Amino acid sequence: MATTKEYRDFILEQLNLLDNITCKSMMGEYLLYYNGVLFGGIYDDRVLVKKVENNKKYNMKESIPYDGAKPMYLVDDIDNKEKLKEIILGTCKDLKK
């Protein structure tokens, strides 16, 4: 099942506390970038972020974005914009190391 454009638009609205968020379409799903850093994506109407050390403190569930992919963390509290911002900033900080 591909992600709907309506869900993509909803997620981008939830990410409006962050400048420089970009979203690229990829085979019916969407890759998410912050300041050019790929930190996660929208897969089957779910927001997933890369697994990094900084994310362990949130106790997020692991989820597979698509068959054959590495596990990522499922962000299930997408209504909390502040927490979502914190997760993304921490993810990108660890990815830049």
PDB file of N, CA and C in Angstrom:
ATOM      1  N   MET A   1       0.841  -1.179   0.000  1.00  0.00           N
ATOM      2  CA  MET A   1       0.000   0.000   0.000  1.00  0.00           C
ATOM      3  C   MET A   1       0.893   1.251   0.000  1.00  0.00           C
ATOM      4  N   ALA A   2       0.676   2.115  -0.928  1.00  0.00           N
ATOM      5  CA  ALA A   2       1.458   3.351  -1.006  1.00  0.00           C
ATOM      6  C   ALA A   2       0.879   4.408  -0.071  1.00  0.00           C
ATOM      7  N   THR A   3       1.714   5.344   0.306  1.00  0.00           N
ATOM      8  CA  THR A   3       1.283   6.449   1.154  1.00  0.00           C
ATOM      9  C   THR A   3       0.423   7.407   0.345  1.00  0.00           C
ATOM     10  N   THR A   4      -0.644   7.877   0.955  1.00  0.00           N
ATOM     11  CA  THR A   4      -1.524   8.827   0.267  1.00  0.00           C
ATOM     12  C   THR A   4      -0.913  10.228   0.300  1.00  0.00           C
ATOM     13  N   LYS A   5      -1.255  11.019  -0.688  1.00  0.00           N
ATOM     14  CA  LYS A   5      -0.781  12.406  -0.731  1.00  0.00           C
ATOM     15  C   LYS A   5      -1.363  13.204   0.436  1.00  0.00           C
ATOM     16  N   GLU A   6      -2.554  12.856   0.844  1.00  0.00           N
ATOM     17  CA  GLU A   6      -3.181  13.541   1.981  1.00  0.00           C
ATOM     18  C   GLU A   6      -2.381  13.297   3.265  1.00  0.00           C
ATOM     19  N   TYR A   7      -1.929  12.070   3.451  1.00  0.00           N
ATOM     20  CA  TYR A   7      -1.130  11.760   4.642  1.00  0.00           C
ATOM     21  C   TYR A   7       0.223  12.463   4.561  1.00  0.00           C
ATOM     22  N   ARG A   8       0.825  12.461   3.389  1.00  0.00           N
ATOM     23  CA  ARG A   8       2.086  13.187   3.208  1.00  0.00           C
ATOM     24  C   ARG A   8       1.915  14.657   3.579  1.00  0.00           C
ATOM     25  N   ASP A   9       0.858  15.284   3.092  1.00  0.00           N
ATOM     26  CA  ASP A   9       0.602  16.694   3.398  1.00  0.00           C
ATOM     27  C   ASP A   9       0.393  16.910   4.892  1.00  0.00           C
ATOM     28  N   PHE A  10      -0.303  15.982   5.542  1.00  0.00           N
ATOM     29  CA  PHE A  10      -0.516  16.068   6.987  1.00  0.00           C
ATOM     30  C   PHE A  10       0.821  16.016   7.728  1.00  0.00           C
ATOM     31  N   ILE A  11       1.693  15.089   7.340  1.00  0.00           N
ATOM     32  CA  ILE A  11       2.994  14.955   7.999  1.00  0.00           C
ATOM     33  C   ILE A  11       3.834  16.206   7.770  1.00  0.00           C
ATOM     34  N   LEU A  12       3.834  16.727   6.577  1.00  0.00           N
ATOM     35  CA  LEU A  12       4.606  17.947   6.309  1.00  0.00           C
ATOM     36  C   LEU A  12       4.086  19.106   7.148  1.00  0.00           C
ATOM     37  N   GLU A  13       2.793  19.159   7.387  1.00  0.00           N
ATOM     38  CA  GLU A  13       2.229  20.181   8.279  1.00  0.00           C
ATOM     39  C   GLU A  13       2.705  19.952   9.715  1.00  0.00           C
ATOM     40  N   GLN A  14       2.788  18.707  10.133  1.00  0.00           N
ATOM     41  CA  GLN A  14       3.267  18.397  11.486  1.00  0.00           C
ATOM     42  C   GLN A  14       4.747  18.779  11.651  1.00  0.00           C
ATOM     43  N   LEU A  15       5.474  18.839  10.560  1.00  0.00           N
ATOM     44  CA  LEU A  15       6.898  19.163  10.597  1.00  0.00           C
ATOM     45  C   LEU A  15       7.173  20.657  10.405  1.00  0.00           C
ATOM     46  N   ASN A  16       6.136  21.481  10.479  1.00  0.00           N
ATOM     47  CA  ASN A  16       6.308  22.899  10.182  1.00  0.00           C
ATOM     48  C   ASN A  16       7.103  23.671  11.234  1.00  0.00           C
ATOM     49  N   LEU A  17       7.466  23.056  12.345  1.00  0.00           N
ATOM     50  CA  LEU A  17       8.330  23.714  13.330  1.00  0.00           C
ATOM     51  C   LEU A  17       9.792  23.706  12.887  1.00  0.00           C
ATOM     52  N   LEU A  18      10.080  22.925  11.866  1.00  0.00           N
ATOM     53  CA  LEU A  18      11.447  22.814  11.344  1.00  0.00           C
ATOM     54  C   LEU A  18      11.537  23.473   9.974  1.00  0.00           C
ATOM     55  N   ASP A  19      12.553  24.314   9.798  1.00  0.00           N
ATOM     56  CA  ASP A  19      12.819  24.879   8.476  1.00  0.00           C
ATOM     57  C   ASP A  19      13.633  23.855   7.688  1.00  0.00           C
ATOM     58  N   ASN A  20      13.608  23.987   6.395  1.00  0.00           N
ATOM     59  CA  ASN A  20      14.446  23.171   5.512  1.00  0.00           C
ATOM     60  C   ASN A  20      14.098  21.688   5.501  1.00  0.00           C
ATOM     61  N   ILE A  21      12.834  21.353   5.698  1.00  0.00           N
ATOM     62  CA  ILE A  21      12.370  19.975   5.502  1.00  0.00           C
ATOM     63  C   ILE A  21      12.053  19.807   4.020  1.00  0.00           C
ATOM     64  N   THR A  22      12.581  18.762   3.432  1.00  0.00           N
ATOM     65  CA  THR A  22      12.221  18.438   2.058  1.00  0.00           C
ATOM     66  C   THR A  22      11.710  17.005   1.999  1.00  0.00           C
ATOM     67  N   CYS A  23      10.886  16.763   1.011  1.00  0.00           N
ATOM     68  CA  CYS A  23      10.224  15.476   0.853  1.00  0.00           C
ATOM     69  C   CYS A  23      10.360  15.068  -0.609  1.00  0.00           C
ATOM     70  N   LYS A  24      10.910  13.882  -0.842  1.00  0.00           N
ATOM     71  CA  LYS A  24      11.088  13.384  -2.206  1.00  0.00           C
ATOM     72  C   LYS A  24      10.305  12.095  -2.397  1.00  0.00           C
ATOM     73  N   SER A  25       9.566  12.047  -3.477  1.00  0.00           N
ATOM     74  CA  SER A  25       8.777  10.868  -3.810  1.00  0.00           C
ATOM     75  C   SER A  25       9.702   9.742  -4.259  1.00  0.00           C
ATOM     76  N   MET A  26       9.401   8.513  -3.759  1.00  0.00           N
ATOM     77  CA  MET A  26      10.211   7.354  -4.123  1.00  0.00           C
ATOM     78  C   MET A  26       9.317   6.115  -4.169  1.00  0.00           C
ATOM     79  N   MET A  27       8.919   5.720  -5.362  1.00  0.00           N
ATOM     80  CA  MET A  27       8.148   4.498  -5.562  1.00  0.00           C
ATOM     81  C   MET A  27       6.881   4.439  -4.694  1.00  0.00           C
ATOM     82  N   GLY A  28       6.128   5.506  -4.669  1.00  0.00           N
ATOM     83  CA  GLY A  28       4.866   5.527  -3.928  1.00  0.00           C
ATOM     84  C   GLY A  28       5.011   5.900  -2.464  1.00  0.00           C
ATOM     85  N   GLU A  29       6.235   6.089  -2.018  1.00  0.00           N
ATOM     86  CA  GLU A  29       6.505   6.496  -0.638  1.00  0.00           C
ATOM     87  C   GLU A  29       7.272   7.812  -0.683  1.00  0.00           C
ATOM     88  N   TYR A  30       7.676   8.315   0.490  1.00  0.00           N
ATOM     89  CA  TYR A  30       8.334   9.619   0.545  1.00  0.00           C
ATOM     90  C   TYR A  30       9.533   9.590   1.480  1.00  0.00           C
ATOM     91  N   LEU A  31      10.667  10.094   0.984  1.00  0.00           N
ATOM     92  CA  LEU A  31      11.866  10.228   1.794  1.00  0.00           C
ATOM     93  C   LEU A  31      11.861  11.616   2.414  1.00  0.00           C
ATOM     94  N   LEU A  32      12.262  11.709   3.670  1.00  0.00           N
ATOM     95  CA  LEU A  32      12.272  12.973   4.396  1.00  0.00           C
ATOM     96  C   LEU A  32      13.701  13.408   4.713  1.00  0.00           C
ATOM     97  N   TYR A  33      13.981  14.677   4.456  1.00  0.00           N
ATOM     98  CA  TYR A  33      15.298  15.257   4.673  1.00  0.00           C
ATOM     99  C   TYR A  33      15.169  16.509   5.542  1.00  0.00           C
ATOM    100  N   TYR A  34      16.166  16.723   6.379  1.00  0.00           N
ATOM    101  CA  TYR A  34      16.266  17.965   7.135  1.00  0.00           C
ATOM    102  C   TYR A  34      17.654  18.541   6.876  1.00  0.00           C
ATOM    103  N   ASN A  35      17.692  19.737   6.329  1.00  0.00           N
ATOM    104  CA  ASN A  35      18.965  20.373   5.932  1.00  0.00           C
ATOM    105  C   ASN A  35      19.812  19.443   5.069  1.00  0.00           C
ATOM    106  N   GLY A  36      19.155  18.723   4.182  1.00  0.00           N
ATOM    107  CA  GLY A  36      19.850  17.834   3.257  1.00  0.00           C
ATOM    108  C   GLY A  36      20.214  16.468   3.805  1.00  0.00           C
ATOM    109  N   VAL A  37      19.890  16.209   5.077  1.00  0.00           N
ATOM    110  CA  VAL A  37      20.213  14.916   5.706  1.00  0.00           C
ATOM    111  C   VAL A  37      18.981  14.008   5.651  1.00  0.00           C
ATOM    112  N   LEU A  38      19.125  12.860   5.031  1.00  0.00           N
ATOM    113  CA  LEU A  38      18.034  11.883   4.986  1.00  0.00           C
ATOM    114  C   LEU A  38      17.875  11.261   6.374  1.00  0.00           C
ATOM    115  N   PHE A  39      16.762  11.560   7.028  1.00  0.00           N
ATOM    116  CA  PHE A  39      16.562  11.054   8.391  1.00  0.00           C
ATOM    117  C   PHE A  39      15.464  10.010   8.498  1.00  0.00           C
ATOM    118  N   GLY A  40      14.643   9.876   7.480  1.00  0.00           N
ATOM    119  CA  GLY A  40      13.545   8.916   7.552  1.00  0.00           C
ATOM    120  C   GLY A  40      12.635   9.029   6.349  1.00  0.00           C
ATOM    121  N   GLY A  41      11.419   8.574   6.549  1.00  0.00           N
ATOM    122  CA  GLY A  41      10.476   8.633   5.446  1.00  0.00           C
ATOM    123  C   GLY A  41       9.058   8.323   5.887  1.00  0.00           C
ATOM    124  N   ILE A  42       8.175   8.423   4.922  1.00  0.00           N
ATOM    125  CA  ILE A  42       6.769   8.088   5.126  1.00  0.00           C
ATOM    126  C   ILE A  42       6.512   6.837   4.292  1.00  0.00           C
ATOM    127  N   TYR A  43       6.192   5.749   4.969  1.00  0.00           N
ATOM    128  CA  TYR A  43       5.994   4.449   4.322  1.00  0.00           C
ATOM    129  C   TYR A  43       4.650   3.882   4.747  1.00  0.00           C
ATOM    130  N   ASP A  44       3.792   3.596   3.785  1.00  0.00           N
ATOM    131  CA  ASP A  44       2.475   3.020   4.083  1.00  0.00           C
ATOM    132  C   ASP A  44       1.745   3.820   5.167  1.00  0.00           C
ATOM    133  N   ASP A  45       1.735   5.131   5.008  1.00  0.00           N
ATOM    134  CA  ASP A  45       1.072   6.042   5.958  1.00  0.00           C
ATOM    135  C   ASP A  45       1.628   5.902   7.377  1.00  0.00           C
ATOM    136  N   ARG A  46       2.940   5.694   7.482  1.00  0.00           N
ATOM    137  CA  ARG A  46       3.641   5.641   8.768  1.00  0.00           C
ATOM    138  C   ARG A  46       4.911   6.478   8.653  1.00  0.00           C
ATOM    139  N   VAL A  47       5.261   7.184   9.721  1.00  0.00           N
ATOM    140  CA  VAL A  47       6.510   7.948   9.748  1.00  0.00           C
ATOM    141  C   VAL A  47       7.567   7.095  10.442  1.00  0.00           C
ATOM    142  N   LEU A  48       8.658   6.859   9.736  1.00  0.00           N
ATOM    143  CA  LEU A  48       9.771   6.074  10.272  1.00  0.00           C
ATOM    144  C   LEU A  48      11.030   6.913  10.217  1.00  0.00           C
ATOM    145  N   VAL A  49      11.857   6.791  11.255  1.00  0.00           N
ATOM    146  CA  VAL A  49      13.146   7.489  11.286  1.00  0.00           C
ATOM    147  C   VAL A  49      14.254   6.458  11.429  1.00  0.00           C
ATOM    148  N   LYS A  50      15.438   6.849  10.972  1.00  0.00           N
ATOM    149  CA  LYS A  50      16.588   5.954  11.071  1.00  0.00           C
ATOM    150  C   LYS A  50      16.917   5.676  12.530  1.00  0.00           C
ATOM    151  N   LYS A  51      17.433   4.496  12.760  1.00  0.00           N
ATOM    152  CA  LYS A  51      17.846   4.104  14.112  1.00  0.00           C
ATOM    153  C   LYS A  51      19.215   4.703  14.403  1.00  0.00           C
ATOM    154  N   VAL A  52      19.262   5.542  15.425  1.00  0.00           N
ATOM    155  CA  VAL A  52      20.518   6.132  15.889  1.00  0.00           C
ATOM    156  C   VAL A  52      20.509   6.085  17.412  1.00  0.00           C
ATOM    157  N   GLU A  53      21.673   6.271  17.991  1.00  0.00           N
ATOM    158  CA  GLU A  53      21.820   6.203  19.452  1.00  0.00           C
ATOM    159  C   GLU A  53      20.870   7.167  20.169  1.00  0.00           C
ATOM    160  N   ASN A  54      20.745   8.368  19.646  1.00  0.00           N
ATOM    161  CA  ASN A  54      19.929   9.412  20.268  1.00  0.00           C
ATOM    162  C   ASN A  54      18.454   9.020  20.389  1.00  0.00           C
ATOM    163  N   ASN A  55      17.975   8.150  19.508  1.00  0.00           N
ATOM    164  CA  ASN A  55      16.551   7.788  19.485  1.00  0.00           C
ATOM    165  C   ASN A  55      16.160   6.727  20.507  1.00  0.00           C
ATOM    166  N   LYS A  56      17.134   6.047  21.084  1.00  0.00           N
ATOM    167  CA  LYS A  56      16.820   4.964  22.016  1.00  0.00           C
ATOM    168  C   LYS A  56      16.002   5.449  23.210  1.00  0.00           C
ATOM    169  N   LYS A  57      16.220   6.679  23.637  1.00  0.00           N
ATOM    170  CA  LYS A  57      15.532   7.211  24.815  1.00  0.00           C
ATOM    171  C   LYS A  57      14.025   7.360  24.619  1.00  0.00           C
ATOM    172  N   TYR A  58      13.548   7.324  23.377  1.00  0.00           N
ATOM    173  CA  TYR A  58      12.109   7.483  23.111  1.00  0.00           C
ATOM    174  C   TYR A  58      11.349   6.160  23.144  1.00  0.00           C
ATOM    175  N   ASN A  59      12.059   5.054  23.241  1.00  0.00           N
ATOM    176  CA  ASN A  59      11.437   3.724  23.289  1.00  0.00           C
ATOM    177  C   ASN A  59      10.440   3.491  22.151  1.00  0.00           C
ATOM    178  N   MET A  60      10.844   3.869  20.954  1.00  0.00           N
ATOM    179  CA  MET A  60       9.982   3.664  19.790  1.00  0.00           C
ATOM    180  C   MET A  60      10.096   2.221  19.311  1.00  0.00           C
ATOM    181  N   LYS A  61       9.041   1.735  18.708  1.00  0.00           N
ATOM    182  CA  LYS A  61       9.031   0.377  18.170  1.00  0.00           C
ATOM    183  C   LYS A  61       9.796   0.335  16.855  1.00  0.00           C
ATOM    184  N   GLU A  62      10.458  -0.794  16.630  1.00  0.00           N
ATOM    185  CA  GLU A  62      11.102  -1.009  15.342  1.00  0.00           C
ATOM    186  C   GLU A  62      10.056  -1.398  14.317  1.00  0.00           C
ATOM    187  N   SER A  63      10.281  -0.982  13.075  1.00  0.00           N
ATOM    188  CA  SER A  63       9.378  -1.326  11.998  1.00  0.00           C
ATOM    189  C   SER A  63      10.186  -1.395  10.705  1.00  0.00           C
ATOM    190  N   ILE A  64       9.765  -2.238   9.802  1.00  0.00           N
ATOM    191  CA  ILE A  64      10.417  -2.394   8.504  1.00  0.00           C
ATOM    192  C   ILE A  64       9.653  -1.539   7.492  1.00  0.00           C
ATOM    193  N   PRO A  65      10.338  -0.596   6.824  1.00  0.00           N
ATOM    194  CA  PRO A  65       9.634   0.264   5.878  1.00  0.00           C
ATOM    195  C   PRO A  65       9.118  -0.481   4.642  1.00  0.00           C
ATOM    196  N   TYR A  66       9.891  -1.460   4.168  1.00  0.00           N
ATOM    197  CA  TYR A  66       9.512  -2.261   2.999  1.00  0.00           C
ATOM    198  C   TYR A  66      10.347  -3.538   3.027  1.00  0.00           C
ATOM    199  N   ASP A  67       9.927  -4.539   2.299  1.00  0.00           N
ATOM    200  CA  ASP A  67      10.628  -5.826   2.286  1.00  0.00           C
ATOM    201  C   ASP A  67      12.101  -5.648   1.932  1.00  0.00           C
ATOM    202  N   GLY A  68      12.963  -6.251   2.746  1.00  0.00           N
ATOM    203  CA  GLY A  68      14.385  -6.220   2.498  1.00  0.00           C
ATOM    204  C   GLY A  68      15.114  -5.019   3.088  1.00  0.00           C
ATOM    205  N   ALA A  69      14.384  -4.103   3.701  1.00  0.00           N
ATOM    206  CA  ALA A  69      15.006  -2.905   4.279  1.00  0.00           C
ATOM    207  C   ALA A  69      15.446  -3.150   5.712  1.00  0.00           C
ATOM    208  N   LYS A  70      16.372  -2.315   6.178  1.00  0.00           N
ATOM    209  CA  LYS A  70      16.797  -2.362   7.578  1.00  0.00           C
ATOM    210  C   LYS A  70      15.679  -1.814   8.459  1.00  0.00           C
ATOM    211  N   PRO A  71      15.584  -2.298   9.690  1.00  0.00           N
ATOM    212  CA  PRO A  71      14.564  -1.762  10.609  1.00  0.00           C
ATOM    213  C   PRO A  71      14.811  -0.281  10.900  1.00  0.00           C
ATOM    214  N   MET A  72      13.718   0.419  11.093  1.00  0.00           N
ATOM    215  CA  MET A  72      13.742   1.826  11.465  1.00  0.00           C
ATOM    216  C   MET A  72      12.842   1.981  12.690  1.00  0.00           C
ATOM    217  N   TYR A  73      12.795   3.174  13.239  1.00  0.00           N
ATOM    218  CA  TYR A  73      11.903   3.428  14.370  1.00  0.00           C
ATOM    219  C   TYR A  73      10.615   4.066  13.886  1.00  0.00           C
ATOM    220  N   LEU A  74       9.509   3.548  14.401  1.00  0.00           N
ATOM    221  CA  LEU A  74       8.178   4.068  14.084  1.00  0.00           C
ATOM    222  C   LEU A  74       7.847   5.213  15.035  1.00  0.00           C
ATOM    223  N   VAL A  75       7.540   6.376  14.475  1.00  0.00           N
ATOM    224  CA  VAL A  75       7.116   7.526  15.276  1.00  0.00           C
ATOM    225  C   VAL A  75       5.596   7.463  15.332  1.00  0.00           C
ATOM    226  N   ASP A  76       5.070   7.051  16.487  1.00  0.00           N
ATOM    227  CA  ASP A  76       3.619   6.880  16.575  1.00  0.00           C
ATOM    228  C   ASP A  76       2.909   8.079  17.207  1.00  0.00           C
ATOM    229  N   ASP A  77       3.654   9.015  17.775  1.00  0.00           N
ATOM    230  CA  ASP A  77       3.052  10.202  18.385  1.00  0.00           C
ATOM    231  C   ASP A  77       3.257  11.403  17.462  1.00  0.00           C
ATOM    232  N   ILE A  78       2.706  11.320  16.258  1.00  0.00           N
ATOM    233  CA  ILE A  78       2.939  12.370  15.273  1.00  0.00           C
ATOM    234  C   ILE A  78       2.136  13.638  15.543  1.00  0.00           C
ATOM    235  N   ASP A  79       1.191  13.582  16.463  1.00  0.00           N
ATOM    236  CA  ASP A  79       0.430  14.782  16.803  1.00  0.00           C
ATOM    237  C   ASP A  79       1.219  15.718  17.720  1.00  0.00           C
ATOM    238  N   ASN A  80       2.269  15.227  18.345  1.00  0.00           N
ATOM    239  CA  ASN A  80       3.095  16.028  19.236  1.00  0.00           C
ATOM    240  C   ASN A  80       4.241  16.643  18.424  1.00  0.00           C
ATOM    241  N   LYS A  81       4.004  17.852  17.909  1.00  0.00           N
ATOM    242  CA  LYS A  81       4.976  18.502  17.030  1.00  0.00           C
ATOM    243  C   LYS A  81       6.321  18.756  17.714  1.00  0.00           C
ATOM    244  N   GLU A  82       6.293  19.119  18.977  1.00  0.00           N
ATOM    245  CA  GLU A  82       7.547  19.397  19.693  1.00  0.00           C
ATOM    246  C   GLU A  82       8.400  18.133  19.826  1.00  0.00           C
ATOM    247  N   LYS A  83       7.755  17.026  20.158  1.00  0.00           N
ATOM    248  CA  LYS A  83       8.492  15.763  20.291  1.00  0.00           C
ATOM    249  C   LYS A  83       9.014  15.306  18.927  1.00  0.00           C
ATOM    250  N   LEU A  84       8.201  15.468  17.908  1.00  0.00           N
ATOM    251  CA  LEU A  84       8.602  15.104  16.552  1.00  0.00           C
ATOM    252  C   LEU A  84       9.827  15.914  16.134  1.00  0.00           C
ATOM    253  N   LYS A  85       9.815  17.201  16.431  1.00  0.00           N
ATOM    254  CA  LYS A  85      10.963  18.064  16.135  1.00  0.00           C
ATOM    255  C   LYS A  85      12.205  17.582  16.883  1.00  0.00           C
ATOM    256  N   GLU A  86      12.048  17.252  18.146  1.00  0.00           N
ATOM    257  CA  GLU A  86      13.159  16.786  18.976  1.00  0.00           C
ATOM    258  C   GLU A  86      13.754  15.488  18.425  1.00  0.00           C
ATOM    259  N   ILE A  87      12.895  14.572  18.018  1.00  0.00           N
ATOM    260  CA  ILE A  87      13.352  13.290  17.452  1.00  0.00           C
ATOM    261  C   ILE A  87      14.151  13.536  16.180  1.00  0.00           C
ATOM    262  N   ILE A  88      13.643  14.391  15.316  1.00  0.00           N
ATOM    263  CA  ILE A  88      14.312  14.648  14.036  1.00  0.00           C
ATOM    264  C   ILE A  88      15.649  15.350  14.250  1.00  0.00           C
ATOM    265  N   LEU A  89      15.684  16.341  15.118  1.00  0.00           N
ATOM    266  CA  LEU A  89      16.940  17.045  15.384  1.00  0.00           C
ATOM    267  C   LEU A  89      17.988  16.090  15.960  1.00  0.00           C
ATOM    268  N   GLY A  90      17.579  15.226  16.881  1.00  0.00           N
ATOM    269  CA  GLY A  90      18.499  14.255  17.463  1.00  0.00           C
ATOM    270  C   GLY A  90      18.977  13.237  16.439  1.00  0.00           C
ATOM    271  N   THR A  91      18.066  12.787  15.586  1.00  0.00           N
ATOM    272  CA  THR A  91      18.428  11.826  14.537  1.00  0.00           C
ATOM    273  C   THR A  91      19.472  12.427  13.607  1.00  0.00           C
ATOM    274  N   CYS A  92      19.209  13.631  13.156  1.00  0.00           N
ATOM    275  CA  CYS A  92      20.125  14.285  12.205  1.00  0.00           C
ATOM    276  C   CYS A  92      21.469  14.595  12.855  1.00  0.00           C
ATOM    277  N   LYS A  93      21.456  14.949  14.123  1.00  0.00           N
ATOM    278  CA  LYS A  93      22.718  15.214  14.836  1.00  0.00           C
ATOM    279  C   LYS A  93      23.589  13.969  14.848  1.00  0.00           C
ATOM    280  N   ASP A  94      22.977  12.821  15.156  1.00  0.00           N
ATOM    281  CA  ASP A  94      23.740  11.565  15.171  1.00  0.00           C
ATOM    282  C   ASP A  94      24.181  11.149  13.764  1.00  0.00           C
ATOM    283  N   LEU A  95      23.368  11.413  12.766  1.00  0.00           N
ATOM    284  CA  LEU A  95      23.711  11.020  11.401  1.00  0.00           C
ATOM    285  C   LEU A  95      24.867  11.853  10.847  1.00  0.00           C
ATOM    286  N   LYS A  96      25.051  13.051  11.346  1.00  0.00           N
ATOM    287  CA  LYS A  96      26.127  13.927  10.877  1.00  0.00           C
ATOM    288  C   LYS A  96      27.485  13.581  11.473  1.00  0.00           C
ATOM    289  N   LYS A  97      27.511  12.729  12.500  1.00  0.00           N
ATOM    290  CA  LYS A  97      28.780  12.381  13.171  1.00  0.00           C
ATOM    291  C   LYS A  97      29.700  11.627  12.242  1.00  0.00           C
TER     292      LYS A  97
END
